[in-house]
């Protein structure tokens, strides 16, 4: 048998294909190494960072603080706020609860601003908020952001929210807050 010579055009196609695959692989590897590969945050995102950047979320509701935090493996777990007199201790995430927490917090991290409202809206329920949400980033002891959650809007589909320190109030989908309330109830049971 004699070997068939490779046609120059076919060889060029294979070389171009190999170069393109190499370029795509290099770009993907660079995104992964730089911490990219995460989601792009749009201007209408309520949270300026995605869930992958968060280490803890505290939700104050009805006079009780509920804390959701990641363990050293990155799994979410639930616990209350610890006092300063407590000895250091470990937390272990329950896989079923960790998944439930991650899904609820991921939904909240994807919340989109529906409307931007002028400051001074007394009818929004933000002067005495029904809920306070405190966000912590990785390796930061101070809160990254705090949100006051007010009343349900007259349309019954939206909820008033204000990032503390911002003059404007915004609305987000009410189900985002309802999901957090359901999460707290599930953790209590």
C-alpha atoms as a PDB file:
ATOM      1  CA  UNK A   1       0.000   0.000   0.000  1.00  0.00           C
ATOM      2  CA  UNK A   2       1.131   3.432  -0.753  1.00  0.00           C
ATOM      3  CA  UNK A   3       0.338   6.369   1.467  1.00  0.00           C
ATOM      4  CA  UNK A   4      -1.869   9.037  -0.009  1.00  0.00           C
ATOM      5  CA  UNK A   5      -0.310  12.439   0.189  1.00  0.00           C
ATOM      6  CA  UNK A   6      -2.174  14.999   2.332  1.00  0.00           C
ATOM      7  CA  UNK A   7      -3.571  17.780   0.261  1.00  0.00           C
ATOM      8  CA  UNK A   8      -2.221  21.209   1.238  1.00  0.00           C
ATOM      9  CA  UNK A   9      -5.698  22.723   1.650  1.00  0.00           C
ATOM     10  CA  UNK A  10      -6.788  19.960   4.040  1.00  0.00           C
ATOM     11  CA  UNK A  11      -3.616  20.381   6.074  1.00  0.00           C
ATOM     12  CA  UNK A  12      -4.245  24.131   6.292  1.00  0.00           C
ATOM     13  CA  UNK A  13      -7.791  23.550   7.554  1.00  0.00           C
ATOM     14  CA  UNK A  14      -6.518  21.213  10.302  1.00  0.00           C
ATOM     15  CA  UNK A  15      -3.822  23.688  11.313  1.00  0.00           C
ATOM     16  CA  UNK A  16      -6.325  26.568  11.516  1.00  0.00           C
ATOM     17  CA  UNK A  17      -8.681  24.379  13.565  1.00  0.00           C
ATOM     18  CA  UNK A  18      -5.872  23.443  15.981  1.00  0.00           C
ATOM     19  CA  UNK A  19      -4.887  27.106  16.390  1.00  0.00           C
ATOM     20  CA  UNK A  20      -8.508  28.125  17.100  1.00  0.00           C
ATOM     21  CA  UNK A  21      -8.943  25.367  19.691  1.00  0.00           C
ATOM     22  CA  UNK A  22      -5.685  26.482  21.345  1.00  0.00           C
ATOM     23  CA  UNK A  23      -6.803  30.123  21.438  1.00  0.00           C
ATOM     24  CA  UNK A  24     -10.192  29.232  22.973  1.00  0.00           C
ATOM     25  CA  UNK A  25      -8.509  27.001  25.566  1.00  0.00           C
ATOM     26  CA  UNK A  26      -6.038  29.782  26.467  1.00  0.00           C
ATOM     27  CA  UNK A  27      -8.843  32.325  26.889  1.00  0.00           C
ATOM     28  CA  UNK A  28     -10.897  29.967  29.065  1.00  0.00           C
ATOM     29  CA  UNK A  29      -7.857  29.128  31.183  1.00  0.00           C
ATOM     30  CA  UNK A  30      -7.057  32.833  31.601  1.00  0.00           C
ATOM     31  CA  UNK A  31     -10.648  33.567  32.702  1.00  0.00           C
ATOM     32  CA  UNK A  32     -10.522  30.723  35.198  1.00  0.00           C
ATOM     33  CA  UNK A  33      -7.161  31.812  36.672  1.00  0.00           C
ATOM     34  CA  UNK A  34      -8.222  35.462  36.998  1.00  0.00           C
ATOM     35  CA  UNK A  35     -11.365  34.555  38.882  1.00  0.00           C
ATOM     36  CA  UNK A  36     -13.436  35.209  35.807  1.00  0.00           C
ATOM     37  CA  UNK A  37     -15.836  32.709  34.495  1.00  0.00           C
ATOM     38  CA  UNK A  38     -18.281  34.224  36.947  1.00  0.00           C
ATOM     39  CA  UNK A  39     -21.245  36.234  36.012  1.00  0.00           C
ATOM     40  CA  UNK A  40     -21.096  39.723  34.587  1.00  0.00           C
ATOM     41  CA  UNK A  41     -22.980  42.131  36.850  1.00  0.00           C
ATOM     42  CA  UNK A  42     -25.357  44.391  35.004  1.00  0.00           C
ATOM     43  CA  UNK A  43     -26.392  47.870  36.067  1.00  0.00           C
ATOM     44  CA  UNK A  44     -29.794  46.569  37.152  1.00  0.00           C
ATOM     45  CA  UNK A  45     -28.377  43.956  39.559  1.00  0.00           C
ATOM     46  CA  UNK A  46     -29.318  44.635  43.181  1.00  0.00           C
ATOM     47  CA  UNK A  47     -26.070  43.169  44.523  1.00  0.00           C
ATOM     48  CA  UNK A  48     -22.886  44.540  42.992  1.00  0.00           C
ATOM     49  CA  UNK A  49     -21.198  41.107  43.286  1.00  0.00           C
ATOM     50  CA  UNK A  50     -22.286  37.553  42.601  1.00  0.00           C
ATOM     51  CA  UNK A  51     -22.861  34.755  45.101  1.00  0.00           C
ATOM     52  CA  UNK A  52     -19.399  33.322  44.444  1.00  0.00           C
ATOM     53  CA  UNK A  53     -17.905  36.450  46.068  1.00  0.00           C
ATOM     54  CA  UNK A  54     -19.979  36.209  49.252  1.00  0.00           C
ATOM     55  CA  UNK A  55     -18.897  34.566  52.493  1.00  0.00           C
ATOM     56  CA  UNK A  56     -21.857  35.329  54.765  1.00  0.00           C
ATOM     57  CA  UNK A  57     -25.351  36.788  54.653  1.00  0.00           C
ATOM     58  CA  UNK A  58     -27.211  37.983  57.732  1.00  0.00           C
ATOM     59  CA  UNK A  59     -30.953  38.532  57.639  1.00  0.00           C
ATOM     60  CA  UNK A  60     -32.573  40.428  60.480  1.00  0.00           C
ATOM     61  CA  UNK A  61     -36.276  39.705  60.693  1.00  0.00           C
ATOM     62  CA  UNK A  62     -38.787  40.137  63.539  1.00  0.00           C
ATOM     63  CA  UNK A  63     -36.044  40.990  66.019  1.00  0.00           C
ATOM     64  CA  UNK A  64     -33.916  37.917  65.227  1.00  0.00           C
ATOM     65  CA  UNK A  65     -30.687  37.786  63.244  1.00  0.00           C
ATOM     66  CA  UNK A  66     -30.271  34.756  60.985  1.00  0.00           C
ATOM     67  CA  UNK A  67     -26.763  34.148  59.680  1.00  0.00           C
ATOM     68  CA  UNK A  68     -25.880  32.037  56.651  1.00  0.00           C
ATOM     69  CA  UNK A  69     -22.194  31.407  56.190  1.00  0.00           C
ATOM     70  CA  UNK A  70     -19.806  29.272  54.151  1.00  0.00           C
ATOM     71  CA  UNK A  71     -17.659  26.637  55.826  1.00  0.00           C
ATOM     72  CA  UNK A  72     -14.004  26.115  54.899  1.00  0.00           C
ATOM     73  CA  UNK A  73     -15.133  23.874  51.997  1.00  0.00           C
ATOM     74  CA  UNK A  74     -17.449  26.554  50.598  1.00  0.00           C
ATOM     75  CA  UNK A  75     -20.704  24.857  51.652  1.00  0.00           C
ATOM     76  CA  UNK A  76     -23.407  27.066  53.169  1.00  0.00           C
ATOM     77  CA  UNK A  77     -24.709  26.506  56.691  1.00  0.00           C
ATOM     78  CA  UNK A  78     -27.108  28.288  59.033  1.00  0.00           C
ATOM     79  CA  UNK A  79     -26.461  29.615  62.524  1.00  0.00           C
ATOM     80  CA  UNK A  80     -27.394  32.545  64.702  1.00  0.00           C
ATOM     81  CA  UNK A  81     -25.093  35.404  65.588  1.00  0.00           C
ATOM     82  CA  UNK A  82     -22.421  34.346  68.075  1.00  0.00           C
ATOM     83  CA  UNK A  83     -21.570  36.317  71.183  1.00  0.00           C
ATOM     84  CA  UNK A  84     -18.032  37.516  71.857  1.00  0.00           C
ATOM     85  CA  UNK A  85     -17.766  35.298  74.966  1.00  0.00           C
ATOM     86  CA  UNK A  86     -18.210  32.100  72.944  1.00  0.00           C
ATOM     87  CA  UNK A  87     -15.226  29.873  72.374  1.00  0.00           C
ATOM     88  CA  UNK A  88     -14.189  29.292  68.770  1.00  0.00           C
ATOM     89  CA  UNK A  89     -15.896  26.274  67.260  1.00  0.00           C
ATOM     90  CA  UNK A  90     -16.370  24.575  63.920  1.00  0.00           C
ATOM     91  CA  UNK A  91     -19.515  24.374  61.856  1.00  0.00           C
ATOM     92  CA  UNK A  92     -20.400  21.504  59.596  1.00  0.00           C
ATOM     93  CA  UNK A  93     -22.801  21.990  56.732  1.00  0.00           C
ATOM     94  CA  UNK A  94     -25.685  19.579  56.283  1.00  0.00           C
ATOM     95  CA  UNK A  95     -25.588  18.798  52.524  1.00  0.00           C
ATOM     96  CA  UNK A  96     -29.380  19.020  52.084  1.00  0.00           C
ATOM     97  CA  UNK A  97     -29.612  22.324  53.959  1.00  0.00           C
ATOM     98  CA  UNK A  98     -26.471  23.642  52.266  1.00  0.00           C
ATOM     99  CA  UNK A  99     -28.081  23.096  48.873  1.00  0.00           C
ATOM    100  CA  UNK A 100     -31.322  24.770  50.000  1.00  0.00           C
ATOM    101  CA  UNK A 101     -29.396  27.772  51.360  1.00  0.00           C
ATOM    102  CA  UNK A 102     -27.236  28.051  48.244  1.00  0.00           C
ATOM    103  CA  UNK A 103     -30.289  28.030  45.941  1.00  0.00           C
ATOM    104  CA  UNK A 104     -32.151  30.690  47.946  1.00  0.00           C
ATOM    105  CA  UNK A 105     -29.113  32.959  48.236  1.00  0.00           C
ATOM    106  CA  UNK A 106     -28.232  32.469  44.569  1.00  0.00           C
ATOM    107  CA  UNK A 107     -31.728  33.627  43.670  1.00  0.00           C
ATOM    108  CA  UNK A 108     -31.341  36.724  45.820  1.00  0.00           C
ATOM    109  CA  UNK A 109     -27.894  37.400  44.332  1.00  0.00           C
ATOM    110  CA  UNK A 110     -29.565  37.454  40.884  1.00  0.00           C
ATOM    111  CA  UNK A 111     -32.268  39.933  41.968  1.00  0.00           C
ATOM    112  CA  UNK A 112     -32.782  42.710  39.439  1.00  0.00           C
ATOM    113  CA  UNK A 113     -33.841  46.262  40.109  1.00  0.00           C
ATOM    114  CA  UNK A 114     -37.243  46.882  38.545  1.00  0.00           C
ATOM    115  CA  UNK A 115     -37.706  50.582  39.324  1.00  0.00           C
ATOM    116  CA  UNK A 116     -35.575  53.343  40.812  1.00  0.00           C
ATOM    117  CA  UNK A 117     -37.484  55.708  43.061  1.00  0.00           C
ATOM    118  CA  UNK A 118     -36.607  59.177  44.361  1.00  0.00           C
ATOM    119  CA  UNK A 119     -35.347  59.627  47.884  1.00  0.00           C
ATOM    120  CA  UNK A 120     -37.696  60.544  50.667  1.00  0.00           C
ATOM    121  CA  UNK A 121     -40.462  58.110  49.821  1.00  0.00           C
ATOM    122  CA  UNK A 122     -42.159  57.820  53.197  1.00  0.00           C
ATOM    123  CA  UNK A 123     -44.675  55.351  51.824  1.00  0.00           C
ATOM    124  CA  UNK A 124     -42.076  52.664  51.133  1.00  0.00           C
ATOM    125  CA  UNK A 125     -41.791  51.249  54.662  1.00  0.00           C
ATOM    126  CA  UNK A 126     -38.047  51.852  54.738  1.00  0.00           C
ATOM    127  CA  UNK A 127     -38.016  54.163  57.778  1.00  0.00           C
ATOM    128  CA  UNK A 128     -38.783  51.104  59.942  1.00  0.00           C
ATOM    129  CA  UNK A 129     -37.785  48.227  57.648  1.00  0.00           C
ATOM    130  CA  UNK A 130     -39.373  44.821  58.002  1.00  0.00           C
ATOM    131  CA  UNK A 131     -36.082  43.128  57.214  1.00  0.00           C
ATOM    132  CA  UNK A 132     -32.391  44.026  57.110  1.00  0.00           C
ATOM    133  CA  UNK A 133     -29.972  42.086  54.902  1.00  0.00           C
ATOM    134  CA  UNK A 134     -26.233  42.353  55.561  1.00  0.00           C
ATOM    135  CA  UNK A 135     -23.756  41.015  52.992  1.00  0.00           C
ATOM    136  CA  UNK A 136     -20.145  39.988  53.743  1.00  0.00           C
ATOM    137  CA  UNK A 137     -17.466  39.231  51.164  1.00  0.00           C
ATOM    138  CA  UNK A 138     -14.689  36.670  51.517  1.00  0.00           C
ATOM    139  CA  UNK A 139     -12.119  37.467  54.223  1.00  0.00           C
ATOM    140  CA  UNK A 140     -13.783  40.753  55.230  1.00  0.00           C
ATOM    141  CA  UNK A 141     -15.082  41.243  58.763  1.00  0.00           C
ATOM    142  CA  UNK A 142     -16.968  44.443  57.954  1.00  0.00           C
ATOM    143  CA  UNK A 143     -20.196  44.309  55.953  1.00  0.00           C
ATOM    144  CA  UNK A 144     -19.816  44.851  52.235  1.00  0.00           C
ATOM    145  CA  UNK A 145     -23.403  46.064  51.802  1.00  0.00           C
ATOM    146  CA  UNK A 146     -26.570  46.433  53.858  1.00  0.00           C
ATOM    147  CA  UNK A 147     -30.113  46.535  52.526  1.00  0.00           C
ATOM    148  CA  UNK A 148     -33.301  47.686  54.241  1.00  0.00           C
ATOM    149  CA  UNK A 149     -36.382  45.824  53.015  1.00  0.00           C
ATOM    150  CA  UNK A 150     -39.647  47.739  53.190  1.00  0.00           C
ATOM    151  CA  UNK A 151     -43.250  47.177  52.223  1.00  0.00           C
ATOM    152  CA  UNK A 152     -44.728  45.301  49.314  1.00  0.00           C
ATOM    153  CA  UNK A 153     -45.552  47.748  46.519  1.00  0.00           C
ATOM    154  CA  UNK A 154     -49.198  48.375  45.569  1.00  0.00           C
ATOM    155  CA  UNK A 155     -48.813  46.083  42.543  1.00  0.00           C
ATOM    156  CA  UNK A 156     -48.176  43.206  45.059  1.00  0.00           C
ATOM    157  CA  UNK A 157     -45.394  41.861  42.831  1.00  0.00           C
ATOM    158  CA  UNK A 158     -42.612  44.227  43.918  1.00  0.00           C
ATOM    159  CA  UNK A 159     -40.902  45.041  47.208  1.00  0.00           C
ATOM    160  CA  UNK A 160     -39.209  48.296  48.215  1.00  0.00           C
ATOM    161  CA  UNK A 161     -35.503  47.954  49.035  1.00  0.00           C
ATOM    162  CA  UNK A 162     -32.845  50.522  49.841  1.00  0.00           C
ATOM    163  CA  UNK A 163     -29.120  50.000  50.070  1.00  0.00           C
ATOM    164  CA  UNK A 164     -28.061  51.765  53.239  1.00  0.00           C
ATOM    165  CA  UNK A 165     -26.077  54.857  52.364  1.00  0.00           C
ATOM    166  CA  UNK A 166     -27.937  55.371  49.069  1.00  0.00           C
ATOM    167  CA  UNK A 167     -30.569  58.054  48.747  1.00  0.00           C
ATOM    168  CA  UNK A 168     -32.745  56.229  46.233  1.00  0.00           C
ATOM    169  CA  UNK A 169     -35.067  53.336  46.911  1.00  0.00           C
ATOM    170  CA  UNK A 170     -35.608  50.582  44.366  1.00  0.00           C
ATOM    171  CA  UNK A 171     -38.066  47.789  43.804  1.00  0.00           C
ATOM    172  CA  UNK A 172     -37.217  44.160  43.226  1.00  0.00           C
ATOM    173  CA  UNK A 173     -39.471  41.170  42.664  1.00  0.00           C
ATOM    174  CA  UNK A 174     -41.286  40.402  45.916  1.00  0.00           C
ATOM    175  CA  UNK A 175     -40.722  36.652  45.513  1.00  0.00           C
ATOM    176  CA  UNK A 176     -36.993  37.250  46.138  1.00  0.00           C
ATOM    177  CA  UNK A 177     -37.784  38.365  49.696  1.00  0.00           C
ATOM    178  CA  UNK A 178     -40.476  35.707  50.132  1.00  0.00           C
ATOM    179  CA  UNK A 179     -37.868  33.069  49.236  1.00  0.00           C
ATOM    180  CA  UNK A 180     -35.577  34.373  52.006  1.00  0.00           C
ATOM    181  CA  UNK A 181     -38.463  34.256  54.500  1.00  0.00           C
ATOM    182  CA  UNK A 182     -39.217  30.647  53.448  1.00  0.00           C
ATOM    183  CA  UNK A 183     -35.529  29.800  53.851  1.00  0.00           C
ATOM    184  CA  UNK A 184     -35.535  31.145  57.429  1.00  0.00           C
ATOM    185  CA  UNK A 185     -38.690  29.165  58.207  1.00  0.00           C
ATOM    186  CA  UNK A 186     -37.136  25.998  56.769  1.00  0.00           C
ATOM    187  CA  UNK A 187     -34.011  26.454  58.905  1.00  0.00           C
ATOM    188  CA  UNK A 188     -36.111  26.870  62.072  1.00  0.00           C
ATOM    189  CA  UNK A 189     -37.909  23.543  61.466  1.00  0.00           C
END
